[in-house]
């Protein structure tokens, strides 16, 4: 019996993207099951398969593994390539993953993920400006120290997967991450990211609270999603 990965809407679900793109990039086979966000609070509906009422969730036979970080740690014990082989790069990747998992709240709140649109962002709040500066620093440091094209060296790792939603946010809102833009372009061109984006553009359903967050984030300049 293989893995089943439960995720939500491709346009909105940044946390879902992390294990999804990692498993795709590393060739870890799984059944792809989508449980879309249909209302502002999906907790009760999602509790039928997730102990937290959230996605993503990985099913491995009778075992349920939840939270994007929990899933990545679980996969790392069973599959090579989740973390870089080089010890220094691995330490950098682990720190970056946990920093992304627990931080960057202003980025999340002020630049909600929506793959299929482009937004003219107004002046950044001091908190968002700090987050963008940290992204630039982290991306440039990883590329300089480990030679690219990925954030921790020549091979895709969990670090790239955890910042995959940020690549979409950077493009959607035109955020300036300096030389880190090289990684953003490389990341967006990855076949797994292209597959996710095509599915996002094909989505016709909308969820009101996510659309309201988008409207509050700036001026919508383009919407490439299929009409609802």
Protein backbone atom coordinates (compact mmCIF):
# COMPACT_ATOMS: atom_id res chain seq x y z
CA UNK A 1 0.00 0.00 0.00
CA UNK A 2 1.45 3.35 -1.04
CA UNK A 3 1.19 6.93 0.12
CA UNK A 4 -1.85 9.18 -0.24
CA UNK A 5 -1.19 12.91 0.07
CA UNK A 6 -4.22 15.04 0.92
CA UNK A 7 -3.97 18.67 -0.17
CA UNK A 8 -6.30 21.59 -0.91
CA UNK A 9 -6.81 24.19 -3.64
CA UNK A 10 -3.80 24.74 -5.86
CA UNK A 11 -4.26 28.51 -5.94
CA UNK A 12 -4.40 28.99 -2.19
CA UNK A 13 -2.87 26.13 -0.25
CA UNK A 14 0.75 27.05 0.38
CA UNK A 15 1.23 24.46 3.12
CA UNK A 16 -0.04 21.72 0.79
CA UNK A 17 2.49 22.64 -1.88
CA UNK A 18 5.51 21.87 0.30
CA UNK A 19 5.29 18.06 0.60
CA UNK A 20 3.57 17.78 -2.78
CA UNK A 21 6.41 19.42 -4.71
CA UNK A 22 9.04 17.59 -2.65
CA UNK A 23 7.54 14.20 -3.40
CA UNK A 24 7.13 15.05 -7.07
CA UNK A 25 10.68 16.36 -7.38
CA UNK A 26 12.19 13.32 -5.66
CA UNK A 27 10.06 10.83 -7.55
CA UNK A 28 8.25 9.55 -4.44
CA UNK A 29 5.03 8.02 -5.74
CA UNK A 30 1.72 8.94 -4.10
CA UNK A 31 -1.99 9.14 -4.72
CA UNK A 32 -2.97 12.78 -5.11
CA UNK A 33 -6.19 13.58 -3.22
CA UNK A 34 -7.60 17.12 -3.18
CA UNK A 35 -10.00 18.32 -0.48
CA UNK A 36 -10.78 21.91 -1.50
CA UNK A 37 -11.39 24.83 0.80
CA UNK A 38 -15.12 25.46 0.41
CA UNK A 39 -15.72 27.93 3.23
CA UNK A 40 -13.72 30.23 5.55
CA UNK A 41 -13.41 27.51 8.22
CA UNK A 42 -13.06 23.91 7.03
CA UNK A 43 -12.06 22.45 10.38
CA UNK A 44 -15.00 20.12 10.98
CA UNK A 45 -14.97 18.72 7.44
CA UNK A 46 -11.21 18.18 7.47
CA UNK A 47 -11.30 16.54 10.90
CA UNK A 48 -12.61 13.41 9.19
CA UNK A 49 -9.10 12.76 7.87
CA UNK A 50 -6.81 15.20 9.73
CA UNK A 51 -6.30 15.39 13.51
CA UNK A 52 -5.68 19.15 13.24
CA UNK A 53 -8.50 19.82 10.79
CA UNK A 54 -5.89 21.14 8.35
CA UNK A 55 -3.97 20.02 5.28
CA UNK A 56 -1.59 18.62 4.17
CA UNK A 57 -1.93 15.09 5.50
CA UNK A 58 0.03 12.02 4.41
CA UNK A 59 -1.60 8.62 4.70
CA UNK A 60 0.79 5.67 4.80
CA UNK A 61 -1.39 2.60 5.11
CA UNK A 62 -3.15 2.90 8.45
CA UNK A 63 -0.80 5.65 9.63
CA UNK A 64 -1.69 9.34 9.44
CA UNK A 65 1.15 11.87 9.28
CA UNK A 66 0.14 15.52 9.57
CA UNK A 67 1.70 18.97 9.21
CA UNK A 68 4.05 19.84 6.34
CA UNK A 69 7.12 19.63 8.56
CA UNK A 70 6.01 16.37 10.14
CA UNK A 71 5.49 14.89 6.67
CA UNK A 72 8.93 16.00 5.46
CA UNK A 73 10.64 14.57 8.54
CA UNK A 74 8.74 11.31 8.07
CA UNK A 75 9.75 11.09 4.42
CA UNK A 76 13.38 11.91 5.23
CA UNK A 77 13.61 8.73 7.32
CA UNK A 78 12.43 6.64 4.37
CA UNK A 79 13.73 8.28 1.20
CA UNK A 80 17.13 9.71 0.18
CA UNK A 81 17.45 13.26 -1.06
CA UNK A 82 15.08 15.05 1.29
CA UNK A 83 18.11 16.68 2.96
CA UNK A 84 21.43 17.52 1.25
CA UNK A 85 24.24 15.01 1.73
CA UNK A 86 26.82 17.69 2.54
CA UNK A 87 26.79 18.29 6.30
CA UNK A 88 27.07 22.09 6.11
CA UNK A 89 24.39 22.32 3.43
CA UNK A 90 22.17 19.96 5.42
CA UNK A 91 22.46 22.12 8.54
CA UNK A 92 21.64 25.22 6.48
CA UNK A 93 18.63 23.48 4.92
CA UNK A 94 17.29 22.28 8.25
CA UNK A 95 17.57 25.75 9.76
CA UNK A 96 15.93 27.35 6.73
CA UNK A 97 13.05 24.87 6.76
CA UNK A 98 12.29 25.43 10.43
CA UNK A 99 12.62 29.21 10.03
CA UNK A 100 10.07 29.13 7.20
CA UNK A 101 7.77 26.80 9.09
CA UNK A 102 7.66 28.98 12.20
CA UNK A 103 8.26 32.47 10.85
CA UNK A 104 7.50 35.00 8.12
CA UNK A 105 4.03 35.81 9.50
CA UNK A 106 3.87 39.27 7.87
CA UNK A 107 4.68 37.73 4.49
CA UNK A 108 1.94 35.16 4.94
CA UNK A 109 -0.61 37.70 6.15
CA UNK A 110 0.11 40.54 3.75
CA UNK A 111 0.94 38.48 0.65
CA UNK A 112 -1.57 35.64 0.65
CA UNK A 113 -0.72 32.92 -1.84
CA UNK A 114 -2.72 32.98 -5.04
CA UNK A 115 -0.87 31.37 -7.93
CA UNK A 116 -3.02 32.60 -10.79
CA UNK A 117 -2.99 36.35 -10.25
CA UNK A 118 -0.68 39.37 -10.26
CA UNK A 119 -1.01 42.17 -7.73
CA UNK A 120 0.36 45.70 -7.52
CA UNK A 121 1.47 45.90 -3.93
CA UNK A 122 1.40 49.20 -2.07
CA UNK A 123 4.17 50.37 0.27
CA UNK A 124 5.42 47.52 2.44
CA UNK A 125 4.76 47.59 6.13
CA UNK A 126 7.96 47.60 8.22
CA UNK A 127 7.29 43.97 9.18
CA UNK A 128 6.84 42.86 5.56
CA UNK A 129 9.94 44.80 4.48
CA UNK A 130 11.91 42.97 7.16
CA UNK A 131 10.64 39.61 5.90
CA UNK A 132 11.51 40.41 2.29
CA UNK A 133 15.00 41.53 3.32
CA UNK A 134 15.46 38.26 5.20
CA UNK A 135 14.34 36.27 2.17
CA UNK A 136 16.87 38.07 0.03
CA UNK A 137 19.61 37.44 2.57
CA UNK A 138 18.79 33.75 2.98
CA UNK A 139 18.45 33.08 -0.75
CA UNK A 140 21.67 34.87 -1.64
CA UNK A 141 23.54 33.19 1.19
CA UNK A 142 22.42 29.71 0.10
CA UNK A 143 23.25 30.32 -3.56
CA UNK A 144 26.66 31.82 -2.76
CA UNK A 145 27.71 29.21 -0.19
CA UNK A 146 26.57 26.09 -2.00
CA UNK A 147 26.80 27.12 -5.65
CA UNK A 148 23.16 26.73 -6.69
CA UNK A 149 21.05 26.33 -8.63
CA UNK A 150 19.05 25.21 -5.58
CA UNK A 151 19.18 26.90 -2.19
CA UNK A 152 21.42 24.25 -0.62
CA UNK A 153 23.45 23.16 -3.62
CA UNK A 154 23.09 21.21 -6.86
CA UNK A 155 20.11 19.09 -5.84
CA UNK A 156 16.51 19.94 -4.97
CA UNK A 157 15.86 19.46 -1.23
CA UNK A 158 13.31 20.11 1.47
CA UNK A 159 14.62 23.67 1.71
CA UNK A 160 13.46 24.43 -1.83
CA UNK A 161 10.14 22.71 -1.16
CA UNK A 162 9.46 24.83 1.92
CA UNK A 163 10.12 28.06 0.06
CA UNK A 164 8.20 26.95 -3.05
CA UNK A 165 5.05 28.89 -1.99
CA UNK A 166 7.25 31.95 -1.48
CA UNK A 167 8.40 31.73 -5.11
CA UNK A 168 4.77 32.17 -6.17
CA UNK A 169 4.29 35.02 -3.71
CA UNK A 170 7.40 36.79 -5.00
CA UNK A 171 6.05 36.61 -8.55
CA UNK A 172 2.47 37.52 -7.65
CA UNK A 173 3.45 40.64 -5.70
CA UNK A 174 6.67 41.58 -7.50
CA UNK A 175 8.80 41.30 -4.35
CA UNK A 176 12.48 42.22 -4.72
CA UNK A 177 14.76 39.46 -3.47
CA UNK A 178 17.88 40.63 -5.29
CA UNK A 179 20.08 37.85 -6.65
CA UNK A 180 17.64 35.41 -5.08
CA UNK A 181 15.50 35.99 -8.17
CA UNK A 182 17.75 33.44 -9.91
CA UNK A 183 16.43 30.75 -7.60
CA UNK A 184 12.83 31.98 -8.02
CA UNK A 185 13.06 31.64 -11.81
CA UNK A 186 14.68 28.21 -11.52
CA UNK A 187 12.05 27.09 -9.04
CA UNK A 188 9.08 28.28 -11.10
CA UNK A 189 10.48 26.44 -14.13
CA UNK A 190 10.64 23.09 -12.32
CA UNK A 191 8.24 20.56 -13.95
CA UNK A 192 6.48 19.90 -10.64
CA UNK A 193 5.87 23.62 -10.11
CA UNK A 194 4.62 23.90 -13.68
CA UNK A 195 2.22 21.02 -13.03
CA UNK A 196 0.92 22.67 -9.85
CA UNK A 197 0.49 26.01 -11.63
CA UNK A 198 -1.44 24.49 -14.55
CA UNK A 199 -3.83 22.89 -12.07
CA UNK A 200 -4.17 26.21 -10.24
CA UNK A 201 -5.05 28.06 -13.43
CA UNK A 202 -7.65 25.42 -14.29
CA UNK A 203 -9.48 25.82 -10.98
CA UNK A 204 -12.85 27.50 -11.40
CA UNK A 205 -13.97 27.53 -7.77
CA UNK A 206 -13.33 30.44 -5.44
CA UNK A 207 -13.37 30.67 -1.65
CA UNK A 208 -14.65 33.97 -0.31
CA UNK A 209 -12.26 34.59 2.57
CA UNK A 210 -9.18 33.86 0.42
CA UNK A 211 -10.49 36.22 -2.26
CA UNK A 212 -11.11 38.91 0.34
CA UNK A 213 -7.54 38.56 1.60
CA UNK A 214 -6.34 38.93 -1.98
CA UNK A 215 -8.42 42.07 -2.51
CA UNK A 216 -6.98 43.60 0.66
CA UNK A 217 -3.39 42.86 -0.36
CA UNK A 218 -3.18 45.36 -3.22
CA UNK A 219 -4.52 46.16 -6.68
CA UNK A 220 -5.26 43.17 -8.88
CA UNK A 221 -3.56 43.70 -12.25
CA UNK A 222 -4.07 40.28 -13.88
CA UNK A 223 -6.08 37.14 -13.25
CA UNK A 224 -5.13 34.09 -15.30
CA UNK A 225 -7.45 31.65 -13.55
CA UNK A 226 -10.34 29.96 -15.27
CA UNK A 227 -13.52 31.94 -14.77
CA UNK A 228 -15.73 30.68 -11.96
